[in-house]
Amino acid sequence: FSFYSGQICTAPTRVLVHRSRQGELIAMLAAYAEALTVGDPSDRATVVGPVISAAHRDRVEAYVELGRKEGA
């Protein structure tokens, strides 16, 4: 379950892209995120399971809020 439970260190916090391709990248990332199945890590259909702690949850929620403030 470790791949699907947020326990790996391959989750980037930044993406660099040329301005001319910014819209294309945003559309691709949004489509990818919308297709992810969030849920019980014991369900094979789940791609994103729970995070490790309340502190990590707070950090994730802060990133989401920052994205919203920046127009995501």
PDB file of N, CA and C in Angstrom:
ATOM      1  N   PHE A   1       0.800  -1.203   0.000  1.00  0.00           N
ATOM      2  CA  PHE A   1       0.000   0.000   0.000  1.00  0.00           C
ATOM      3  C   PHE A   1       0.844   1.269   0.000  1.00  0.00           C
ATOM      4  N   SER A   2       2.152   1.164   0.202  1.00  0.00           N
ATOM      5  CA  SER A   2       2.935   2.385   0.391  1.00  0.00           C
ATOM      6  C   SER A   2       2.909   3.316  -0.813  1.00  0.00           C
ATOM      7  N   PHE A   3       2.834   2.781  -2.023  1.00  0.00           N
ATOM      8  CA  PHE A   3       2.810   3.655  -3.196  1.00  0.00           C
ATOM      9  C   PHE A   3       1.570   4.527  -3.205  1.00  0.00           C
ATOM     10  N   TYR A   4       0.461   3.998  -2.726  1.00  0.00           N
ATOM     11  CA  TYR A   4      -0.801   4.720  -2.790  1.00  0.00           C
ATOM     12  C   TYR A   4      -1.196   5.393  -1.480  1.00  0.00           C
ATOM     13  N   SER A   5      -0.309   5.472  -0.529  1.00  0.00           N
ATOM     14  CA  SER A   5      -0.686   6.071   0.753  1.00  0.00           C
ATOM     15  C   SER A   5       0.130   7.311   1.096  1.00  0.00           C
ATOM     16  N   GLY A   6       0.746   7.922   0.103  1.00  0.00           N
ATOM     17  CA  GLY A   6       1.486   9.149   0.346  1.00  0.00           C
ATOM     18  C   GLY A   6       2.799   8.956   1.070  1.00  0.00           C
ATOM     19  N   GLN A   7       3.345   7.742   1.065  1.00  0.00           N
ATOM     20  CA  GLN A   7       4.547   7.439   1.824  1.00  0.00           C
ATOM     21  C   GLN A   7       5.818   7.506   0.987  1.00  0.00           C
ATOM     22  N   ILE A   8       5.740   7.962  -0.232  1.00  0.00           N
ATOM     23  CA  ILE A   8       6.930   8.005  -1.072  1.00  0.00           C
ATOM     24  C   ILE A   8       7.414   9.440  -1.219  1.00  0.00           C
ATOM     25  N   CYS A   9       8.630   9.592  -1.639  1.00  0.00           N
ATOM     26  CA  CYS A   9       9.235  10.923  -1.718  1.00  0.00           C
ATOM     27  C   CYS A   9       9.358  11.418  -3.155  1.00  0.00           C
ATOM     28  N   THR A  10       8.419  11.082  -3.988  1.00  0.00           N
ATOM     29  CA  THR A  10       8.475  11.540  -5.372  1.00  0.00           C
ATOM     30  C   THR A  10       7.365  12.529  -5.682  1.00  0.00           C
ATOM     31  N   ALA A  11       6.815  13.155  -4.670  1.00  0.00           N
ATOM     32  CA  ALA A  11       5.747  14.133  -4.874  1.00  0.00           C
ATOM     33  C   ALA A  11       6.362  15.522  -4.999  1.00  0.00           C
ATOM     34  N   PRO A  12       6.454  16.048  -6.210  1.00  0.00           N
ATOM     35  CA  PRO A  12       7.073  17.363  -6.376  1.00  0.00           C
ATOM     36  C   PRO A  12       6.206  18.475  -5.794  1.00  0.00           C
ATOM     37  N   THR A  13       6.850  19.509  -5.309  1.00  0.00           N
ATOM     38  CA  THR A  13       6.121  20.674  -4.804  1.00  0.00           C
ATOM     39  C   THR A  13       6.191  21.832  -5.785  1.00  0.00           C
ATOM     40  N   ARG A  14       7.019  21.692  -6.823  1.00  0.00           N
ATOM     41  CA  ARG A  14       7.155  22.740  -7.836  1.00  0.00           C
ATOM     42  C   ARG A  14       7.298  22.117  -9.216  1.00  0.00           C
ATOM     43  N   VAL A  15       6.817  22.834 -10.205  1.00  0.00           N
ATOM     44  CA  VAL A  15       6.978  22.412 -11.594  1.00  0.00           C
ATOM     45  C   VAL A  15       7.419  23.637 -12.380  1.00  0.00           C
ATOM     46  N   LEU A  16       8.457  23.500 -13.162  1.00  0.00           N
ATOM     47  CA  LEU A  16       8.926  24.597 -14.004  1.00  0.00           C
ATOM     48  C   LEU A  16       8.509  24.320 -15.437  1.00  0.00           C
ATOM     49  N   VAL A  17       7.945  25.340 -16.068  1.00  0.00           N
ATOM     50  CA  VAL A  17       7.499  25.191 -17.450  1.00  0.00           C
ATOM     51  C   VAL A  17       7.632  26.549 -18.143  1.00  0.00           C
ATOM     52  N   HIS A  18       7.948  26.527 -19.414  1.00  0.00           N
ATOM     53  CA  HIS A  18       8.037  27.768 -20.179  1.00  0.00           C
ATOM     54  C   HIS A  18       6.657  28.410 -20.242  1.00  0.00           C
ATOM     55  N   ARG A  19       6.616  29.736 -20.141  1.00  0.00           N
ATOM     56  CA  ARG A  19       5.329  30.449 -20.152  1.00  0.00           C
ATOM     57  C   ARG A  19       4.453  30.079 -21.338  1.00  0.00           C
ATOM     58  N   SER A  20       5.073  29.834 -22.461  1.00  0.00           N
ATOM     59  CA  SER A  20       4.289  29.521 -23.661  1.00  0.00           C
ATOM     60  C   SER A  20       3.533  28.202 -23.534  1.00  0.00           C
ATOM     61  N   ARG A  21       3.911  27.372 -22.572  1.00  0.00           N
ATOM     62  CA  ARG A  21       3.246  26.072 -22.395  1.00  0.00           C
ATOM     63  C   ARG A  21       2.531  25.970 -21.054  1.00  0.00           C
ATOM     64  N   GLN A  22       2.450  27.079 -20.317  1.00  0.00           N
ATOM     65  CA  GLN A  22       1.852  27.081 -18.990  1.00  0.00           C
ATOM     66  C   GLN A  22       0.405  26.597 -19.015  1.00  0.00           C
ATOM     67  N   GLY A  23      -0.414  27.147 -19.894  1.00  0.00           N
ATOM     68  CA  GLY A  23      -1.823  26.750 -19.965  1.00  0.00           C
ATOM     69  C   GLY A  23      -1.988  25.277 -20.280  1.00  0.00           C
ATOM     70  N   GLU A  24      -1.165  24.783 -21.189  1.00  0.00           N
ATOM     71  CA  GLU A  24      -1.211  23.366 -21.563  1.00  0.00           C
ATOM     72  C   GLU A  24      -0.884  22.479 -20.361  1.00  0.00           C
ATOM     73  N   LEU A  25       0.154  22.847 -19.619  1.00  0.00           N
ATOM     74  CA  LEU A  25       0.540  22.058 -18.446  1.00  0.00           C
ATOM     75  C   LEU A  25      -0.550  22.085 -17.382  1.00  0.00           C
ATOM     76  N   ILE A  26      -1.105  23.261 -17.121  1.00  0.00           N
ATOM     77  CA  ILE A  26      -2.165  23.371 -16.116  1.00  0.00           C
ATOM     78  C   ILE A  26      -3.345  22.492 -16.491  1.00  0.00           C
ATOM     79  N   ALA A  27      -3.741  22.508 -17.753  1.00  0.00           N
ATOM     80  CA  ALA A  27      -4.864  21.671 -18.199  1.00  0.00           C
ATOM     81  C   ALA A  27      -4.548  20.192 -18.020  1.00  0.00           C
ATOM     82  N   MET A  28      -3.325  19.795 -18.354  1.00  0.00           N
ATOM     83  CA  MET A  28      -2.942  18.391 -18.214  1.00  0.00           C
ATOM     84  C   MET A  28      -2.915  17.963 -16.749  1.00  0.00           C
ATOM     85  N   LEU A  29      -2.350  18.802 -15.879  1.00  0.00           N
ATOM     86  CA  LEU A  29      -2.293  18.462 -14.455  1.00  0.00           C
ATOM     87  C   LEU A  29      -3.685  18.422 -13.833  1.00  0.00           C
ATOM     88  N   ALA A  30      -4.549  19.344 -14.237  1.00  0.00           N
ATOM     89  CA  ALA A  30      -5.921  19.353 -13.714  1.00  0.00           C
ATOM     90  C   ALA A  30      -6.657  18.087 -14.131  1.00  0.00           C
ATOM     91  N   ALA A  31      -6.514  17.682 -15.384  1.00  0.00           N
ATOM     92  CA  ALA A  31      -7.175  16.462 -15.860  1.00  0.00           C
ATOM     93  C   ALA A  31      -6.647  15.244 -15.110  1.00  0.00           C
ATOM     94  N   TYR A  32      -5.343  15.202 -14.888  1.00  0.00           N
ATOM     95  CA  TYR A  32      -4.748  14.085 -14.154  1.00  0.00           C
ATOM     96  C   TYR A  32      -5.288  14.031 -12.724  1.00  0.00           C
ATOM     97  N   ALA A  33      -5.306  15.181 -12.046  1.00  0.00           N
ATOM     98  CA  ALA A  33      -5.772  15.228 -10.655  1.00  0.00           C
ATOM     99  C   ALA A  33      -7.242  14.845 -10.548  1.00  0.00           C
ATOM    100  N   GLU A  34      -8.055  15.292 -11.492  1.00  0.00           N
ATOM    101  CA  GLU A  34      -9.482  14.966 -11.463  1.00  0.00           C
ATOM    102  C   GLU A  34      -9.733  13.475 -11.648  1.00  0.00           C
ATOM    103  N   ALA A  35      -8.815  12.786 -12.320  1.00  0.00           N
ATOM    104  CA  ALA A  35      -8.989  11.357 -12.584  1.00  0.00           C
ATOM    105  C   ALA A  35      -8.525  10.476 -11.420  1.00  0.00           C
ATOM    106  N   LEU A  36      -7.815  11.042 -10.452  1.00  0.00           N
ATOM    107  CA  LEU A  36      -7.324  10.257  -9.319  1.00  0.00           C
ATOM    108  C   LEU A  36      -8.475   9.808  -8.425  1.00  0.00           C
ATOM    109  N   THR A  37      -8.403   8.580  -7.979  1.00  0.00           N
ATOM    110  CA  THR A  37      -9.400   8.055  -7.049  1.00  0.00           C
ATOM    111  C   THR A  37      -8.849   8.170  -5.636  1.00  0.00           C
ATOM    112  N   VAL A  38      -9.544   8.925  -4.802  1.00  0.00           N
ATOM    113  CA  VAL A  38      -9.149   9.119  -3.408  1.00  0.00           C
ATOM    114  C   VAL A  38     -10.005   8.212  -2.545  1.00  0.00           C
ATOM    115  N   GLY A  39      -9.383   7.494  -1.604  1.00  0.00           N
ATOM    116  CA  GLY A  39     -10.195   6.630  -0.754  1.00  0.00           C
ATOM    117  C   GLY A  39      -9.396   5.693   0.120  1.00  0.00           C
ATOM    118  N   ASP A  40     -10.006   4.585   0.425  1.00  0.00           N
ATOM    119  CA  ASP A  40      -9.458   3.552   1.303  1.00  0.00           C
ATOM    120  C   ASP A  40      -8.249   2.899   0.632  1.00  0.00           C
ATOM    121  N   PRO A  41      -7.079   2.897   1.276  1.00  0.00           N
ATOM    122  CA  PRO A  41      -5.896   2.314   0.651  1.00  0.00           C
ATOM    123  C   PRO A  41      -5.988   0.806   0.423  1.00  0.00           C
ATOM    124  N   SER A  42      -6.910   0.126   1.080  1.00  0.00           N
ATOM    125  CA  SER A  42      -7.056  -1.310   0.841  1.00  0.00           C
ATOM    126  C   SER A  42      -7.897  -1.598  -0.400  1.00  0.00           C
ATOM    127  N   ASP A  43      -8.529  -0.579  -0.962  1.00  0.00           N
ATOM    128  CA  ASP A  43      -9.304  -0.724  -2.198  1.00  0.00           C
ATOM    129  C   ASP A  43      -8.355  -0.530  -3.370  1.00  0.00           C
ATOM    130  N   ARG A  44      -8.235  -1.517  -4.231  1.00  0.00           N
ATOM    131  CA  ARG A  44      -7.290  -1.446  -5.351  1.00  0.00           C
ATOM    132  C   ARG A  44      -7.584  -0.290  -6.310  1.00  0.00           C
ATOM    133  N   ALA A  45      -8.798   0.227  -6.311  1.00  0.00           N
ATOM    134  CA  ALA A  45      -9.142   1.354  -7.178  1.00  0.00           C
ATOM    135  C   ALA A  45      -8.609   2.679  -6.633  1.00  0.00           C
ATOM    136  N   THR A  46      -8.234   2.706  -5.366  1.00  0.00           N
ATOM    137  CA  THR A  46      -7.741   3.927  -4.738  1.00  0.00           C
ATOM    138  C   THR A  46      -6.328   4.234  -5.206  1.00  0.00           C
ATOM    139  N   VAL A  47      -6.109   5.474  -5.603  1.00  0.00           N
ATOM    140  CA  VAL A  47      -4.778   5.924  -5.999  1.00  0.00           C
ATOM    141  C   VAL A  47      -4.182   6.822  -4.919  1.00  0.00           C
ATOM    142  N   VAL A  48      -5.015   7.602  -4.244  1.00  0.00           N
ATOM    143  CA  VAL A  48      -4.564   8.501  -3.186  1.00  0.00           C
ATOM    144  C   VAL A  48      -5.253   8.106  -1.891  1.00  0.00           C
ATOM    145  N   GLY A  49      -4.457   7.647  -0.930  1.00  0.00           N
ATOM    146  CA  GLY A  49      -4.994   7.256   0.367  1.00  0.00           C
ATOM    147  C   GLY A  49      -4.786   8.354   1.387  1.00  0.00           C
ATOM    148  N   PRO A  50      -4.888   8.020   2.664  1.00  0.00           N
ATOM    149  CA  PRO A  50      -4.743   9.024   3.716  1.00  0.00           C
ATOM    150  C   PRO A  50      -3.302   9.520   3.832  1.00  0.00           C
ATOM    151  N   VAL A  51      -3.136  10.691   4.411  1.00  0.00           N
ATOM    152  CA  VAL A  51      -1.789  11.202   4.675  1.00  0.00           C
ATOM    153  C   VAL A  51      -1.340  10.724   6.054  1.00  0.00           C
ATOM    154  N   ILE A  52      -0.065  10.891   6.352  1.00  0.00           N
ATOM    155  CA  ILE A  52       0.552  10.283   7.524  1.00  0.00           C
ATOM    156  C   ILE A  52       0.157  10.911   8.858  1.00  0.00           C
ATOM    157  N   SER A  53      -0.159  12.204   8.863  1.00  0.00           N
ATOM    158  CA  SER A  53      -0.432  12.866  10.145  1.00  0.00           C
ATOM    159  C   SER A  53      -1.298  14.103   9.942  1.00  0.00           C
ATOM    160  N   ALA A  54      -1.798  14.624  11.039  1.00  0.00           N
ATOM    161  CA  ALA A  54      -2.582  15.864  10.983  1.00  0.00           C
ATOM    162  C   ALA A  54      -1.708  17.019  10.487  1.00  0.00           C
ATOM    163  N   ALA A  55      -0.448  17.025  10.884  1.00  0.00           N
ATOM    164  CA  ALA A  55       0.460  18.088  10.436  1.00  0.00           C
ATOM    165  C   ALA A  55       0.636  18.046   8.921  1.00  0.00           C
ATOM    166  N   HIS A  56       0.770  16.840   8.378  1.00  0.00           N
ATOM    167  CA  HIS A  56       0.913  16.719   6.925  1.00  0.00           C
ATOM    168  C   HIS A  56      -0.384  17.133   6.230  1.00  0.00           C
ATOM    169  N   ARG A  57      -1.515  16.742   6.794  1.00  0.00           N
ATOM    170  CA  ARG A  57      -2.810  17.161   6.238  1.00  0.00           C
ATOM    171  C   ARG A  57      -2.891  18.680   6.184  1.00  0.00           C
ATOM    172  N   ASP A  58      -2.467  19.331   7.253  1.00  0.00           N
ATOM    173  CA  ASP A  58      -2.499  20.790   7.296  1.00  0.00           C
ATOM    174  C   ASP A  58      -1.609  21.392   6.210  1.00  0.00           C
ATOM    175  N   ARG A  59      -0.450  20.782   5.984  1.00  0.00           N
ATOM    176  CA  ARG A  59       0.452  21.269   4.941  1.00  0.00           C
ATOM    177  C   ARG A  59      -0.177  21.120   3.565  1.00  0.00           C
ATOM    178  N   VAL A  60      -0.803  19.986   3.310  1.00  0.00           N
ATOM    179  CA  VAL A  60      -1.475  19.761   2.028  1.00  0.00           C
ATOM    180  C   VAL A  60      -2.601  20.771   1.841  1.00  0.00           C
ATOM    181  N   GLU A  61      -3.401  20.969   2.876  1.00  0.00           N
ATOM    182  CA  GLU A  61      -4.507  21.923   2.778  1.00  0.00           C
ATOM    183  C   GLU A  61      -3.992  23.346   2.551  1.00  0.00           C
ATOM    184  N   ALA A  62      -2.846  23.685   3.122  1.00  0.00           N
ATOM    185  CA  ALA A  62      -2.254  25.010   2.899  1.00  0.00           C
ATOM    186  C   ALA A  62      -1.842  25.177   1.442  1.00  0.00           C
ATOM    187  N   TYR A  63      -1.284  24.114   0.835  1.00  0.00           N
ATOM    188  CA  TYR A  63      -0.933  24.171  -0.587  1.00  0.00           C
ATOM    189  C   TYR A  63      -2.180  24.360  -1.446  1.00  0.00           C
ATOM    190  N   VAL A  64      -3.239  23.662  -1.111  1.00  0.00           N
ATOM    191  CA  VAL A  64      -4.488  23.791  -1.869  1.00  0.00           C
ATOM    192  C   VAL A  64      -5.009  25.223  -1.767  1.00  0.00           C
ATOM    193  N   GLU A  65      -5.025  25.769  -0.573  1.00  0.00           N
ATOM    194  CA  GLU A  65      -5.501  27.145  -0.377  1.00  0.00           C
ATOM    195  C   GLU A  65      -4.624  28.143  -1.124  1.00  0.00           C
ATOM    196  N   LEU A  66      -3.315  27.954  -1.086  1.00  0.00           N
ATOM    197  CA  LEU A  66      -2.406  28.828  -1.813  1.00  0.00           C
ATOM    198  C   LEU A  66      -2.700  28.771  -3.313  1.00  0.00           C
ATOM    199  N   GLY A  67      -2.912  27.571  -3.821  1.00  0.00           N
ATOM    200  CA  GLY A  67      -3.250  27.424  -5.234  1.00  0.00           C
ATOM    201  C   GLY A  67      -4.522  28.169  -5.593  1.00  0.00           C
ATOM    202  N   ARG A  68      -5.525  28.068  -4.746  1.00  0.00           N
ATOM    203  CA  ARG A  68      -6.785  28.785  -4.993  1.00  0.00           C
ATOM    204  C   ARG A  68      -6.560  30.296  -5.007  1.00  0.00           C
ATOM    205  N   LYS A  69      -5.782  30.790  -4.052  1.00  0.00           N
ATOM    206  CA  LYS A  69      -5.505  32.228  -3.987  1.00  0.00           C
ATOM    207  C   LYS A  69      -4.749  32.710  -5.215  1.00  0.00           C
ATOM    208  N   GLU A  70      -3.939  31.816  -5.792  1.00  0.00           N
ATOM    209  CA  GLU A  70      -3.154  32.179  -6.971  1.00  0.00           C
ATOM    210  C   GLU A  70      -3.890  31.898  -8.274  1.00  0.00           C
ATOM    211  N   GLY A  71      -5.159  31.504  -8.170  1.00  0.00           N
ATOM    212  CA  GLY A  71      -5.979  31.349  -9.367  1.00  0.00           C
ATOM    213  C   GLY A  71      -6.144  29.947  -9.902  1.00  0.00           C
ATOM    214  N   ALA A  72      -5.714  28.952  -9.167  1.00  0.00           N
ATOM    215  CA  ALA A  72      -5.851  27.568  -9.647  1.00  0.00           C
ATOM    216  C   ALA A  72      -7.298  27.111  -9.574  1.00  0.00           C
TER     217      ALA A  72
END
